[in-house]
Amino acid sequence: AELTPASLGDSDQLAVGDWVYAVGNPMGYLRGSMSVG
């Protein structure tokens, strides 16, 4: 299967107030959920 590796960014460039997204698997079955903050 052809996999898509993540593009890793430079966390040193983050600053307070920057928009970020959390993508994961909340509750173990709500796969692919995204939250913003």
PDB file of all heavy atoms in Angstrom:
ATOM      1  N   ALA A   1       0.842  -1.196   0.000  1.00  0.00           N
ATOM      2  CA  ALA A   1       0.000   0.000   0.000  1.00  0.00           C
ATOM      3  C   ALA A   1       0.880   1.251   0.000  1.00  0.00           C
ATOM      4  O   ALA A   1       1.940   1.290   0.637  1.00  0.00           O
ATOM      5  CB  ALA A   1      -0.920   0.011   1.216  1.00  0.00           C
ATOM      6  N   GLU A   2       0.468   2.264  -0.700  1.00  0.00           N
ATOM      7  CA  GLU A   2       1.237   3.510  -0.769  1.00  0.00           C
ATOM      8  C   GLU A   2       0.856   4.401   0.407  1.00  0.00           C
ATOM      9  O   GLU A   2      -0.301   4.814   0.542  1.00  0.00           O
ATOM     10  CB  GLU A   2       0.962   4.228  -2.090  1.00  0.00           C
ATOM     11  CG  GLU A   2       1.834   5.458  -2.295  1.00  0.00           C
ATOM     12  CD  GLU A   2       1.640   6.094  -3.664  1.00  0.00           C
ATOM     13  OE1 GLU A   2       0.971   5.461  -4.513  1.00  0.00           O
ATOM     14  OE2 GLU A   2       2.144   7.212  -3.870  1.00  0.00           O
ATOM     15  N   LEU A   3       1.838   4.677   1.255  1.00  0.00           N
ATOM     16  CA  LEU A   3       1.598   5.496   2.440  1.00  0.00           C
ATOM     17  C   LEU A   3       1.947   6.954   2.171  1.00  0.00           C
ATOM     18  O   LEU A   3       2.756   7.266   1.289  1.00  0.00           O
ATOM     19  CB  LEU A   3       2.440   4.977   3.615  1.00  0.00           C
ATOM     20  CG  LEU A   3       2.212   3.527   4.034  1.00  0.00           C
ATOM     21  CD1 LEU A   3       3.131   3.173   5.194  1.00  0.00           C
ATOM     22  CD2 LEU A   3       0.754   3.300   4.414  1.00  0.00           C
ATOM     23  N   THR A   4       1.335   7.837   2.923  1.00  0.00           N
ATOM     24  CA  THR A   4       1.602   9.279   2.822  1.00  0.00           C
ATOM     25  C   THR A   4       2.255   9.741   4.118  1.00  0.00           C
ATOM     26  O   THR A   4       1.568   9.940   5.131  1.00  0.00           O
ATOM     27  CB  THR A   4       0.305  10.075   2.593  1.00  0.00           C
ATOM     28  OG1 THR A   4      -0.354   9.582   1.428  1.00  0.00           O
ATOM     29  CG2 THR A   4       0.603  11.557   2.430  1.00  0.00           C
ATOM     30  N   PRO A   5       3.583   9.867   4.146  1.00  0.00           N
ATOM     31  CA  PRO A   5       4.225  10.333   5.378  1.00  0.00           C
ATOM     32  C   PRO A   5       3.875  11.786   5.666  1.00  0.00           C
ATOM     33  O   PRO A   5       3.669  12.591   4.749  1.00  0.00           O
ATOM     34  CB  PRO A   5       5.716  10.161   5.087  1.00  0.00           C
ATOM     35  CG  PRO A   5       5.829  10.176   3.607  1.00  0.00           C
ATOM     36  CD  PRO A   5       4.555   9.592   3.076  1.00  0.00           C
ATOM     37  N   ALA A   6       3.801  12.118   6.945  1.00  0.00           N
ATOM     38  CA  ALA A   6       3.469  13.485   7.343  1.00  0.00           C
ATOM     39  C   ALA A   6       4.615  14.428   7.007  1.00  0.00           C
ATOM     40  O   ALA A   6       5.793  14.061   7.075  1.00  0.00           O
ATOM     41  CB  ALA A   6       3.181  13.531   8.846  1.00  0.00           C
ATOM     42  N   SER A   7       4.273  15.633   6.667  1.00  0.00           N
ATOM     43  CA  SER A   7       5.259  16.693   6.530  1.00  0.00           C
ATOM     44  C   SER A   7       5.491  17.284   7.919  1.00  0.00           C
ATOM     45  O   SER A   7       4.559  17.775   8.562  1.00  0.00           O
ATOM     46  CB  SER A   7       4.752  17.778   5.571  1.00  0.00           C
ATOM     47  OG  SER A   7       5.635  18.888   5.552  1.00  0.00           O
ATOM     48  N   LEU A   8       6.722  17.203   8.398  1.00  0.00           N
ATOM     49  CA  LEU A   8       7.058  17.679   9.737  1.00  0.00           C
ATOM     50  C   LEU A   8       7.492  19.136   9.668  1.00  0.00           C
ATOM     51  O   LEU A   8       8.408  19.488   8.910  1.00  0.00           O
ATOM     52  CB  LEU A   8       8.163  16.814  10.354  1.00  0.00           C
ATOM     53  CG  LEU A   8       7.876  15.303  10.414  1.00  0.00           C
ATOM     54  CD1 LEU A   8       9.035  14.566  11.071  1.00  0.00           C
ATOM     55  CD2 LEU A   8       6.572  15.020  11.149  1.00  0.00           C
ATOM     56  N   GLY A   9       6.837  19.984  10.443  1.00  0.00           N
ATOM     57  CA  GLY A   9       7.168  21.402  10.467  1.00  0.00           C
ATOM     58  C   GLY A   9       8.142  21.737  11.574  1.00  0.00           C
ATOM     59  O   GLY A   9       8.549  20.883  12.369  1.00  0.00           O
ATOM     60  N   ASP A  10       8.525  22.979  11.652  1.00  0.00           N
ATOM     61  CA  ASP A  10       9.456  23.471  12.666  1.00  0.00           C
ATOM     62  C   ASP A  10       8.650  24.070  13.812  1.00  0.00           C
ATOM     63  O   ASP A  10       8.115  25.172  13.694  1.00  0.00           O
ATOM     64  CB  ASP A  10      10.386  24.514  12.045  1.00  0.00           C
ATOM     65  CG  ASP A  10      11.478  24.961  13.005  1.00  0.00           C
ATOM     66  OD1 ASP A  10      11.476  24.500  14.166  1.00  0.00           O
ATOM     67  OD2 ASP A  10      12.326  25.784  12.604  1.00  0.00           O
ATOM     68  N   SER A  11       8.582  23.339  14.919  1.00  0.00           N
ATOM     69  CA  SER A  11       7.793  23.831  16.057  1.00  0.00           C
ATOM     70  C   SER A  11       8.426  25.063  16.693  1.00  0.00           C
ATOM     71  O   SER A  11       7.757  25.778  17.445  1.00  0.00           O
ATOM     72  CB  SER A  11       7.613  22.731  17.104  1.00  0.00           C
ATOM     73  OG  SER A  11       8.855  22.195  17.508  1.00  0.00           O
ATOM     74  N   ASP A  12       9.703  25.336  16.407  1.00  0.00           N
ATOM     75  CA  ASP A  12      10.341  26.545  16.931  1.00  0.00           C
ATOM     76  C   ASP A  12       9.704  27.807  16.362  1.00  0.00           C
ATOM     77  O   ASP A  12       9.843  28.891  16.932  1.00  0.00           O
ATOM     78  CB  ASP A  12      11.832  26.554  16.596  1.00  0.00           C
ATOM     79  CG  ASP A  12      12.626  25.576  17.448  1.00  0.00           C
ATOM     80  OD1 ASP A  12      12.049  25.047  18.412  1.00  0.00           O
ATOM     81  OD2 ASP A  12      13.808  25.334  17.137  1.00  0.00           O
ATOM     82  N   GLN A  13       9.033  27.678  15.219  1.00  0.00           N
ATOM     83  CA  GLN A  13       8.440  28.843  14.570  1.00  0.00           C
ATOM     84  C   GLN A  13       7.051  29.171  15.115  1.00  0.00           C
ATOM     85  O   GLN A  13       6.457  30.174  14.720  1.00  0.00           O
ATOM     86  CB  GLN A  13       8.355  28.616  13.061  1.00  0.00           C
ATOM     87  CG  GLN A  13       9.705  28.389  12.397  1.00  0.00           C
ATOM     88  CD  GLN A  13      10.671  29.537  12.670  1.00  0.00           C
ATOM     89  OE1 GLN A  13      10.321  30.702  12.503  1.00  0.00           O
ATOM     90  NE2 GLN A  13      11.883  29.195  13.099  1.00  0.00           N
ATOM     91  N   LEU A  14       6.533  28.329  16.010  1.00  0.00           N
ATOM     92  CA  LEU A  14       5.219  28.612  16.597  1.00  0.00           C
ATOM     93  C   LEU A  14       5.302  29.796  17.547  1.00  0.00           C
ATOM     94  O   LEU A  14       6.323  30.020  18.205  1.00  0.00           O
ATOM     95  CB  LEU A  14       4.696  27.394  17.355  1.00  0.00           C
ATOM     96  CG  LEU A  14       4.288  26.173  16.523  1.00  0.00           C
ATOM     97  CD1 LEU A  14       3.903  25.012  17.445  1.00  0.00           C
ATOM     98  CD2 LEU A  14       3.127  26.511  15.591  1.00  0.00           C
ATOM     99  N   ALA A  15       4.210  30.529  17.638  1.00  0.00           N
ATOM    100  CA  ALA A  15       4.114  31.651  18.571  1.00  0.00           C
ATOM    101  C   ALA A  15       2.742  31.612  19.220  1.00  0.00           C
ATOM    102  O   ALA A  15       1.774  31.071  18.657  1.00  0.00           O
ATOM    103  CB  ALA A  15       4.326  32.979  17.851  1.00  0.00           C
ATOM    104  N   VAL A  16       2.660  32.166  20.403  1.00  0.00           N
ATOM    105  CA  VAL A  16       1.377  32.224  21.099  1.00  0.00           C
ATOM    106  C   VAL A  16       0.377  32.992  20.240  1.00  0.00           C
ATOM    107  O   VAL A  16       0.671  34.079  19.737  1.00  0.00           O
ATOM    108  CB  VAL A  16       1.538  32.895  22.472  1.00  0.00           C
ATOM    109  CG1 VAL A  16       0.177  33.099  23.130  1.00  0.00           C
ATOM    110  CG2 VAL A  16       2.436  32.061  23.371  1.00  0.00           C
ATOM    111  N   GLY A  17      -0.792  32.398  20.061  1.00  0.00           N
ATOM    112  CA  GLY A  17      -1.820  32.999  19.232  1.00  0.00           C
ATOM    113  C   GLY A  17      -1.947  32.354  17.867  1.00  0.00           C
ATOM    114  O   GLY A  17      -2.942  32.601  17.165  1.00  0.00           O
ATOM    115  N   ASP A  18      -0.955  31.542  17.454  1.00  0.00           N
ATOM    116  CA  ASP A  18      -1.044  30.862  16.163  1.00  0.00           C
ATOM    117  C   ASP A  18      -2.182  29.840  16.178  1.00  0.00           C
ATOM    118  O   ASP A  18      -2.397  29.140  17.173  1.00  0.00           O
ATOM    119  CB  ASP A  18       0.267  30.130  15.843  1.00  0.00           C
ATOM    120  CG  ASP A  18       1.380  31.080  15.418  1.00  0.00           C
ATOM    121  OD1 ASP A  18       1.091  32.274  15.222  1.00  0.00           O
ATOM    122  OD2 ASP A  18       2.525  30.613  15.284  1.00  0.00           O
ATOM    123  N   TRP A  19      -2.882  29.728  15.054  1.00  0.00           N
ATOM    124  CA  TRP A  19      -3.924  28.720  14.922  1.00  0.00           C
ATOM    125  C   TRP A  19      -3.292  27.352  14.718  1.00  0.00           C
ATOM    126  O   TRP A  19      -2.339  27.202  13.946  1.00  0.00           O
ATOM    127  CB  TRP A  19      -4.843  29.037  13.740  1.00  0.00           C
ATOM    128  CG  TRP A  19      -5.733  30.216  13.957  1.00  0.00           C
ATOM    129  CD1 TRP A  19      -5.573  31.466  13.475  1.00  0.00           C
ATOM    130  CD2 TRP A  19      -6.935  30.248  14.747  1.00  0.00           C
ATOM    131  NE1 TRP A  19      -6.583  32.289  13.901  1.00  0.00           N
ATOM    132  CE2 TRP A  19      -7.439  31.570  14.683  1.00  0.00           C
ATOM    133  CE3 TRP A  19      -7.628  29.293  15.491  1.00  0.00           C
ATOM    134  CZ2 TRP A  19      -8.597  31.953  15.341  1.00  0.00           C
ATOM    135  CZ3 TRP A  19      -8.786  29.674  16.149  1.00  0.00           C
ATOM    136  CH2 TRP A  19      -9.257  30.986  16.064  1.00  0.00           C
ATOM    137  N   VAL A  20      -3.823  26.351  15.407  1.00  0.00           N
ATOM    138  CA  VAL A  20      -3.352  24.967  15.256  1.00  0.00           C
ATOM    139  C   VAL A  20      -4.558  24.030  15.271  1.00  0.00           C
ATOM    140  O   VAL A  20      -5.605  24.346  15.837  1.00  0.00           O
ATOM    141  CB  VAL A  20      -2.359  24.565  16.372  1.00  0.00           C
ATOM    142  CG1 VAL A  20      -0.993  25.192  16.160  1.00  0.00           C
ATOM    143  CG2 VAL A  20      -2.915  24.926  17.749  1.00  0.00           C
ATOM    144  N   TYR A  21      -4.377  22.868  14.635  1.00  0.00           N
ATOM    145  CA  TYR A  21      -5.427  21.858  14.564  1.00  0.00           C
ATOM    146  C   TYR A  21      -4.933  20.574  15.231  1.00  0.00           C
ATOM    147  O   TYR A  21      -3.765  20.199  15.079  1.00  0.00           O
ATOM    148  CB  TYR A  21      -5.799  21.559  13.111  1.00  0.00           C
ATOM    149  CG  TYR A  21      -6.142  22.782  12.298  1.00  0.00           C
ATOM    150  CD1 TYR A  21      -5.205  23.358  11.441  1.00  0.00           C
ATOM    151  CD2 TYR A  21      -7.401  23.369  12.375  1.00  0.00           C
ATOM    152  CE1 TYR A  21      -5.515  24.481  10.690  1.00  0.00           C
ATOM    153  CE2 TYR A  21      -7.725  24.498  11.632  1.00  0.00           C
ATOM    154  CZ  TYR A  21      -6.770  25.046  10.795  1.00  0.00           C
ATOM    155  OH  TYR A  21      -7.085  26.164  10.063  1.00  0.00           O
ATOM    156  N   ALA A  22      -5.822  19.923  15.958  1.00  0.00           N
ATOM    157  CA  ALA A  22      -5.525  18.602  16.542  1.00  0.00           C
ATOM    158  C   ALA A  22      -6.362  17.570  15.802  1.00  0.00           C
ATOM    159  O   ALA A  22      -7.592  17.647  15.804  1.00  0.00           O
ATOM    160  CB  ALA A  22      -5.842  18.583  18.035  1.00  0.00           C
ATOM    161  N   VAL A  23      -5.689  16.621  15.156  1.00  0.00           N
ATOM    162  CA  VAL A  23      -6.377  15.585  14.383  1.00  0.00           C
ATOM    163  C   VAL A  23      -6.019  14.239  14.988  1.00  0.00           C
ATOM    164  O   VAL A  23      -4.840  13.952  15.226  1.00  0.00           O
ATOM    165  CB  VAL A  23      -5.973  15.619  12.899  1.00  0.00           C
ATOM    166  CG1 VAL A  23      -6.854  14.679  12.087  1.00  0.00           C
ATOM    167  CG2 VAL A  23      -6.054  17.035  12.345  1.00  0.00           C
ATOM    168  N   GLY A  24      -7.043  13.419  15.265  1.00  0.00           N
ATOM    169  CA  GLY A  24      -6.772  12.135  15.879  1.00  0.00           C
ATOM    170  C   GLY A  24      -7.973  11.224  15.939  1.00  0.00           C
ATOM    171  O   GLY A  24      -8.849  11.259  15.061  1.00  0.00           O
ATOM    172  N   ASN A  25      -8.028  10.470  17.022  1.00  0.00           N
ATOM    173  CA  ASN A  25      -8.946   9.343  17.143  1.00  0.00           C
ATOM    174  C   ASN A  25      -9.681   9.405  18.481  1.00  0.00           C
ATOM    175  O   ASN A  25      -9.602   8.471  19.279  1.00  0.00           O
ATOM    176  CB  ASN A  25      -8.108   8.054  17.033  1.00  0.00           C
ATOM    177  CG  ASN A  25      -8.940   6.807  16.971  1.00  0.00           C
ATOM    178  OD1 ASN A  25     -10.086   6.826  16.542  1.00  0.00           O
ATOM    179  ND2 ASN A  25      -8.365   5.710  17.433  1.00  0.00           N
ATOM    180  N   PRO A  26     -10.376  10.512  18.797  1.00  0.00           N
ATOM    181  CA  PRO A  26     -10.989  10.650  20.124  1.00  0.00           C
ATOM    182  C   PRO A  26     -12.002   9.550  20.407  1.00  0.00           C
ATOM    183  O   PRO A  26     -12.728   9.104  19.516  1.00  0.00           O
ATOM    184  CB  PRO A  26     -11.649  12.032  20.077  1.00  0.00           C
ATOM    185  CG  PRO A  26     -11.836  12.331  18.633  1.00  0.00           C
ATOM    186  CD  PRO A  26     -10.689  11.669  17.929  1.00  0.00           C
ATOM    187  N   MET A  27     -12.018   9.136  21.663  1.00  0.00           N
ATOM    188  CA  MET A  27     -12.910   8.099  22.175  1.00  0.00           C
ATOM    189  C   MET A  27     -12.610   6.720  21.592  1.00  0.00           C
ATOM    190  O   MET A  27     -13.316   5.756  21.869  1.00  0.00           O
ATOM    191  CB  MET A  27     -14.380   8.462  21.924  1.00  0.00           C
ATOM    192  CG  MET A  27     -14.775   9.823  22.462  1.00  0.00           C
ATOM    193  SD  MET A  27     -14.330  10.051  24.203  1.00  0.00           S
ATOM    194  CE  MET A  27     -15.482   8.935  24.992  1.00  0.00           C
ATOM    195  N   GLY A  28     -11.564   6.600  20.790  1.00  0.00           N
ATOM    196  CA  GLY A  28     -11.178   5.305  20.269  1.00  0.00           C
ATOM    197  C   GLY A  28     -11.931   4.869  19.038  1.00  0.00           C
ATOM    198  O   GLY A  28     -11.536   3.909  18.382  1.00  0.00           O
ATOM    199  N   TYR A  29     -13.024   5.556  18.690  1.00  0.00           N
ATOM    200  CA  TYR A  29     -13.777   5.140  17.507  1.00  0.00           C
ATOM    201  C   TYR A  29     -14.249   6.317  16.654  1.00  0.00           C
ATOM    202  O   TYR A  29     -14.765   6.116  15.562  1.00  0.00           O
ATOM    203  CB  TYR A  29     -14.974   4.278  17.909  1.00  0.00           C
ATOM    204  CG  TYR A  29     -15.944   4.936  18.868  1.00  0.00           C
ATOM    205  CD1 TYR A  29     -16.993   5.727  18.400  1.00  0.00           C
ATOM    206  CD2 TYR A  29     -15.812   4.773  20.237  1.00  0.00           C
ATOM    207  CE1 TYR A  29     -17.878   6.334  19.274  1.00  0.00           C
ATOM    208  CE2 TYR A  29     -16.694   5.376  21.121  1.00  0.00           C
ATOM    209  CZ  TYR A  29     -17.730   6.142  20.638  1.00  0.00           C
ATOM    210  OH  TYR A  29     -18.598   6.740  21.514  1.00  0.00           O
ATOM    211  N   LEU A  30     -14.079   7.545  17.138  1.00  0.00           N
ATOM    212  CA  LEU A  30     -14.427   8.717  16.324  1.00  0.00           C
ATOM    213  C   LEU A  30     -13.207   9.094  15.493  1.00  0.00           C
ATOM    214  O   LEU A  30     -12.613  10.161  15.644  1.00  0.00           O
ATOM    215  CB  LEU A  30     -14.872   9.873  17.221  1.00  0.00           C
ATOM    216  CG  LEU A  30     -16.117   9.589  18.063  1.00  0.00           C
ATOM    217  CD1 LEU A  30     -16.412  10.766  18.977  1.00  0.00           C
ATOM    218  CD2 LEU A  30     -17.323   9.290  17.176  1.00  0.00           C
ATOM    219  N   ARG A  31     -12.852   8.194  14.597  1.00  0.00           N
ATOM    220  CA  ARG A  31     -11.592   8.294  13.875  1.00  0.00           C
ATOM    221  C   ARG A  31     -11.598   9.481  12.908  1.00  0.00           C
ATOM    222  O   ARG A  31     -12.582   9.740  12.229  1.00  0.00           O
ATOM    223  CB  ARG A  31     -11.307   7.000  13.121  1.00  0.00           C
ATOM    224  CG  ARG A  31     -11.197   5.784  14.040  1.00  0.00           C
ATOM    225  CD  ARG A  31     -10.839   4.527  13.263  1.00  0.00           C
ATOM    226  NE  ARG A  31     -10.694   3.393  14.170  1.00  0.00           N
ATOM    227  CZ  ARG A  31     -11.633   2.481  14.392  1.00  0.00           C
ATOM    228  NH1 ARG A  31     -12.792   2.581  13.757  1.00  0.00           N
ATOM    229  NH2 ARG A  31     -11.431   1.489  15.228  1.00  0.00           N
ATOM    230  N   GLY A  32     -10.463  10.175  12.881  1.00  0.00           N
ATOM    231  CA  GLY A  32     -10.307  11.273  11.936  1.00  0.00           C
ATOM    232  C   GLY A  32     -10.958  12.565  12.365  1.00  0.00           C
ATOM    233  O   GLY A  32     -11.222  13.425  11.525  1.00  0.00           O
ATOM    234  N   SER A  33     -11.198  12.743  13.667  1.00  0.00           N
ATOM    235  CA  SER A  33     -11.822  13.986  14.143  1.00  0.00           C
ATOM    236  C   SER A  33     -10.778  15.093  14.255  1.00  0.00           C
ATOM    237  O   SER A  33      -9.627  14.850  14.623  1.00  0.00           O
ATOM    238  CB  SER A  33     -12.484  13.766  15.508  1.00  0.00           C
ATOM    239  OG  SER A  33     -13.534  12.838  15.405  1.00  0.00           O
ATOM    240  N   MET A  34     -11.188  16.315  13.959  1.00  0.00           N
ATOM    241  CA  MET A  34     -10.296  17.466  14.041  1.00  0.00           C
ATOM    242  C   MET A  34     -10.895  18.519  14.960  1.00  0.00           C
ATOM    243  O   MET A  34     -12.100  18.770  14.927  1.00  0.00           O
ATOM    244  CB  MET A  34     -10.045  18.073  12.653  1.00  0.00           C
ATOM    245  CG  MET A  34      -9.084  19.268  12.688  1.00  0.00           C
ATOM    246  SD  MET A  34      -8.604  19.875  11.042  1.00  0.00           S
ATOM    247  CE  MET A  34     -10.037  20.857  10.606  1.00  0.00           C
ATOM    248  N   SER A  35     -10.058  19.125  15.790  1.00  0.00           N
ATOM    249  CA  SER A  35     -10.477  20.258  16.612  1.00  0.00           C
ATOM    250  C   SER A  35      -9.535  21.424  16.338  1.00  0.00           C
ATOM    251  O   SER A  35      -8.388  21.239  15.936  1.00  0.00           O
ATOM    252  CB  SER A  35     -10.470  19.900  18.105  1.00  0.00           C
ATOM    253  OG  SER A  35      -9.170  19.564  18.550  1.00  0.00           O
ATOM    254  N   VAL A  36     -10.029  22.620  16.563  1.00  0.00           N
ATOM    255  CA  VAL A  36      -9.255  23.818  16.258  1.00  0.00           C
ATOM    256  C   VAL A  36      -9.006  24.611  17.529  1.00  0.00           C
ATOM    257  O   VAL A  36      -9.817  24.598  18.461  1.00  0.00           O
ATOM    258  CB  VAL A  36      -9.989  24.692  15.209  1.00  0.00           C
ATOM    259  CG1 VAL A  36     -11.312  25.204  15.768  1.00  0.00           C
ATOM    260  CG2 VAL A  36      -9.125  25.867  14.756  1.00  0.00           C
ATOM    261  N   GLY A  37      -7.867  25.284  17.580  1.00  0.00           N
ATOM    262  CA  GLY A  37      -7.537  26.112  18.735  1.00  0.00           C
ATOM    263  C   GLY A  37      -6.346  26.986  18.406  1.00  0.00           C
ATOM    264  O   GLY A  37      -5.968  27.151  17.243  1.00  0.00           O
TER     265      GLY A  37
END
